[in-house]
């Protein structure tokens, strides 16, 4: 059996009833964002240590259930911090990117 982690990088600083959509940048806190990303990257590293077969991530913008606007960048960072787990990008939002640059990445 294969075991994969799908880490959405969820924003946890607000209760569900307090979060507007799209999530306005004025509510973003730098320290909260740092804690979120540090914690999610630590979770991904731990999944690799525990022998998970892969770590999945997808691109999301202005949402609270996933705060991962650049899965390519996170995958690059995780590639330097993990040994065995496969890193899976579950799609980039093509209309938001230059197609040539995205292909190069």
C-alpha atoms as a PDB file:
ATOM      1  CA  UNK A   1       0.000   0.000   0.000  1.00  0.00           C
ATOM      2  CA  UNK A   2       1.181   3.511  -0.800  1.00  0.00           C
ATOM      3  CA  UNK A   3       0.767   6.402   1.649  1.00  0.00           C
ATOM      4  CA  UNK A   4       0.790  10.007   0.462  1.00  0.00           C
ATOM      5  CA  UNK A   5       0.442  13.317   2.305  1.00  0.00           C
ATOM      6  CA  UNK A   6      -1.620  16.053   0.677  1.00  0.00           C
ATOM      7  CA  UNK A   7      -0.550  19.172   2.546  1.00  0.00           C
ATOM      8  CA  UNK A   8      -2.806  22.115   1.747  1.00  0.00           C
ATOM      9  CA  UNK A   9      -0.956  24.637   3.930  1.00  0.00           C
ATOM     10  CA  UNK A  10      -4.285  25.645   5.563  1.00  0.00           C
ATOM     11  CA  UNK A  11      -4.589  29.040   7.205  1.00  0.00           C
ATOM     12  CA  UNK A  12      -5.505  28.365  10.827  1.00  0.00           C
ATOM     13  CA  UNK A  13      -5.412  31.816  12.409  1.00  0.00           C
ATOM     14  CA  UNK A  14      -9.117  32.518  11.974  1.00  0.00           C
ATOM     15  CA  UNK A  15     -12.322  30.689  12.781  1.00  0.00           C
ATOM     16  CA  UNK A  16     -14.322  29.499   9.765  1.00  0.00           C
ATOM     17  CA  UNK A  17     -16.991  32.157  10.226  1.00  0.00           C
ATOM     18  CA  UNK A  18     -14.438  34.987  10.315  1.00  0.00           C
ATOM     19  CA  UNK A  19     -12.706  34.363   7.006  1.00  0.00           C
ATOM     20  CA  UNK A  20     -13.809  36.336   3.957  1.00  0.00           C
ATOM     21  CA  UNK A  21     -13.244  34.988   0.459  1.00  0.00           C
ATOM     22  CA  UNK A  22     -11.225  35.966  -1.373  1.00  0.00           C
ATOM     23  CA  UNK A  23      -8.831  36.299   1.549  1.00  0.00           C
ATOM     24  CA  UNK A  24      -7.704  39.940   1.622  1.00  0.00           C
ATOM     25  CA  UNK A  25      -4.008  40.660   1.949  1.00  0.00           C
ATOM     26  CA  UNK A  26      -4.736  43.095   4.783  1.00  0.00           C
ATOM     27  CA  UNK A  27      -5.530  40.120   7.057  1.00  0.00           C
ATOM     28  CA  UNK A  28      -2.229  38.399   6.352  1.00  0.00           C
ATOM     29  CA  UNK A  29       0.151  38.511   9.297  1.00  0.00           C
ATOM     30  CA  UNK A  30       3.833  38.002   8.568  1.00  0.00           C
ATOM     31  CA  UNK A  31       4.506  36.149  11.814  1.00  0.00           C
ATOM     32  CA  UNK A  32       1.417  33.965  11.328  1.00  0.00           C
ATOM     33  CA  UNK A  33       2.502  33.224   7.767  1.00  0.00           C
ATOM     34  CA  UNK A  34       6.001  32.288   8.904  1.00  0.00           C
ATOM     35  CA  UNK A  35       4.618  29.940  11.558  1.00  0.00           C
ATOM     36  CA  UNK A  36       2.256  28.403   8.987  1.00  0.00           C
ATOM     37  CA  UNK A  37       4.968  27.726   6.413  1.00  0.00           C
ATOM     38  CA  UNK A  38       7.534  26.572   8.995  1.00  0.00           C
ATOM     39  CA  UNK A  39       4.973  24.164  10.467  1.00  0.00           C
ATOM     40  CA  UNK A  40       3.817  22.815   7.108  1.00  0.00           C
ATOM     41  CA  UNK A  41       7.379  22.285   5.891  1.00  0.00           C
ATOM     42  CA  UNK A  42       8.166  20.509   9.181  1.00  0.00           C
ATOM     43  CA  UNK A  43       5.111  18.286   8.623  1.00  0.00           C
ATOM     44  CA  UNK A  44       6.334  17.457   5.115  1.00  0.00           C
ATOM     45  CA  UNK A  45       9.841  16.643   6.388  1.00  0.00           C
ATOM     46  CA  UNK A  46       8.351  14.421   9.103  1.00  0.00           C
ATOM     47  CA  UNK A  47       6.231  12.580   6.528  1.00  0.00           C
ATOM     48  CA  UNK A  48       9.426  11.849   4.601  1.00  0.00           C
ATOM     49  CA  UNK A  49      11.160  10.612   7.774  1.00  0.00           C
ATOM     50  CA  UNK A  50       8.207   8.338   8.562  1.00  0.00           C
ATOM     51  CA  UNK A  51       8.415   6.730   5.137  1.00  0.00           C
ATOM     52  CA  UNK A  52       5.485   8.327   3.299  1.00  0.00           C
ATOM     53  CA  UNK A  53       5.692   7.516  -0.397  1.00  0.00           C
ATOM     54  CA  UNK A  54       4.983  11.068  -1.503  1.00  0.00           C
ATOM     55  CA  UNK A  55       4.007  14.610  -0.599  1.00  0.00           C
ATOM     56  CA  UNK A  56       1.387  16.316  -2.752  1.00  0.00           C
ATOM     57  CA  UNK A  57       0.720  20.024  -3.156  1.00  0.00           C
ATOM     58  CA  UNK A  58      -1.444  22.155  -5.418  1.00  0.00           C
ATOM     59  CA  UNK A  59      -1.624  25.824  -6.329  1.00  0.00           C
ATOM     60  CA  UNK A  60      -4.224  27.983  -4.564  1.00  0.00           C
ATOM     61  CA  UNK A  61      -4.636  31.758  -4.341  1.00  0.00           C
ATOM     62  CA  UNK A  62      -6.577  33.927  -1.887  1.00  0.00           C
ATOM     63  CA  UNK A  63      -8.124  30.956  -0.091  1.00  0.00           C
ATOM     64  CA  UNK A  64      -7.972  29.946   3.538  1.00  0.00           C
ATOM     65  CA  UNK A  65      -8.137  26.184   3.064  1.00  0.00           C
ATOM     66  CA  UNK A  66      -4.883  26.352   1.127  1.00  0.00           C
ATOM     67  CA  UNK A  67      -2.302  29.123   1.138  1.00  0.00           C
ATOM     68  CA  UNK A  68       0.077  27.723  -1.446  1.00  0.00           C
ATOM     69  CA  UNK A  69       0.386  30.149  -4.370  1.00  0.00           C
ATOM     70  CA  UNK A  70       3.639  28.615  -5.636  1.00  0.00           C
ATOM     71  CA  UNK A  71       3.887  24.832  -5.299  1.00  0.00           C
ATOM     72  CA  UNK A  72       6.939  24.860  -7.595  1.00  0.00           C
ATOM     73  CA  UNK A  73       8.852  26.946  -5.052  1.00  0.00           C
ATOM     74  CA  UNK A  74       7.775  24.761  -2.126  1.00  0.00           C
ATOM     75  CA  UNK A  75       8.709  21.608  -4.064  1.00  0.00           C
ATOM     76  CA  UNK A  76      12.154  23.093  -4.734  1.00  0.00           C
ATOM     77  CA  UNK A  77      12.612  23.823  -1.024  1.00  0.00           C
ATOM     78  CA  UNK A  78      11.380  20.357  -0.023  1.00  0.00           C
ATOM     79  CA  UNK A  79      13.706  18.706  -2.541  1.00  0.00           C
ATOM     80  CA  UNK A  80      16.628  19.980  -0.446  1.00  0.00           C
ATOM     81  CA  UNK A  81      15.051  18.817   2.833  1.00  0.00           C
ATOM     82  CA  UNK A  82      13.652  15.362   2.015  1.00  0.00           C
ATOM     83  CA  UNK A  83      15.321  12.119   0.998  1.00  0.00           C
ATOM     84  CA  UNK A  84      12.787   9.533  -0.159  1.00  0.00           C
ATOM     85  CA  UNK A  85       9.274  10.902  -0.630  1.00  0.00           C
ATOM     86  CA  UNK A  86       8.194  11.807  -4.135  1.00  0.00           C
ATOM     87  CA  UNK A  87       7.088  15.403  -4.564  1.00  0.00           C
ATOM     88  CA  UNK A  88       3.886  15.752  -6.550  1.00  0.00           C
ATOM     89  CA  UNK A  89       2.622  19.021  -8.023  1.00  0.00           C
ATOM     90  CA  UNK A  90      -1.120  18.694  -8.515  1.00  0.00           C
ATOM     91  CA  UNK A  91      -1.368  21.381 -11.125  1.00  0.00           C
ATOM     92  CA  UNK A  92      -0.506  24.978 -11.659  1.00  0.00           C
ATOM     93  CA  UNK A  93      -3.190  27.523 -12.554  1.00  0.00           C
ATOM     94  CA  UNK A  94      -2.171  27.932 -16.184  1.00  0.00           C
ATOM     95  CA  UNK A  95      -4.019  31.209 -16.933  1.00  0.00           C
ATOM     96  CA  UNK A  96      -2.087  32.929 -14.120  1.00  0.00           C
ATOM     97  CA  UNK A  97       1.377  32.148 -15.491  1.00  0.00           C
ATOM     98  CA  UNK A  98       3.545  32.797 -18.481  1.00  0.00           C
ATOM     99  CA  UNK A  99       3.381  29.390 -20.214  1.00  0.00           C
ATOM    100  CA  UNK A 100       7.021  29.428 -21.336  1.00  0.00           C
ATOM    101  CA  UNK A 101       8.312  30.241 -17.865  1.00  0.00           C
ATOM    102  CA  UNK A 102       6.035  27.634 -16.286  1.00  0.00           C
ATOM    103  CA  UNK A 103       7.321  24.984 -18.711  1.00  0.00           C
ATOM    104  CA  UNK A 104      10.892  25.926 -17.828  1.00  0.00           C
ATOM    105  CA  UNK A 105      10.193  25.625 -14.106  1.00  0.00           C
END
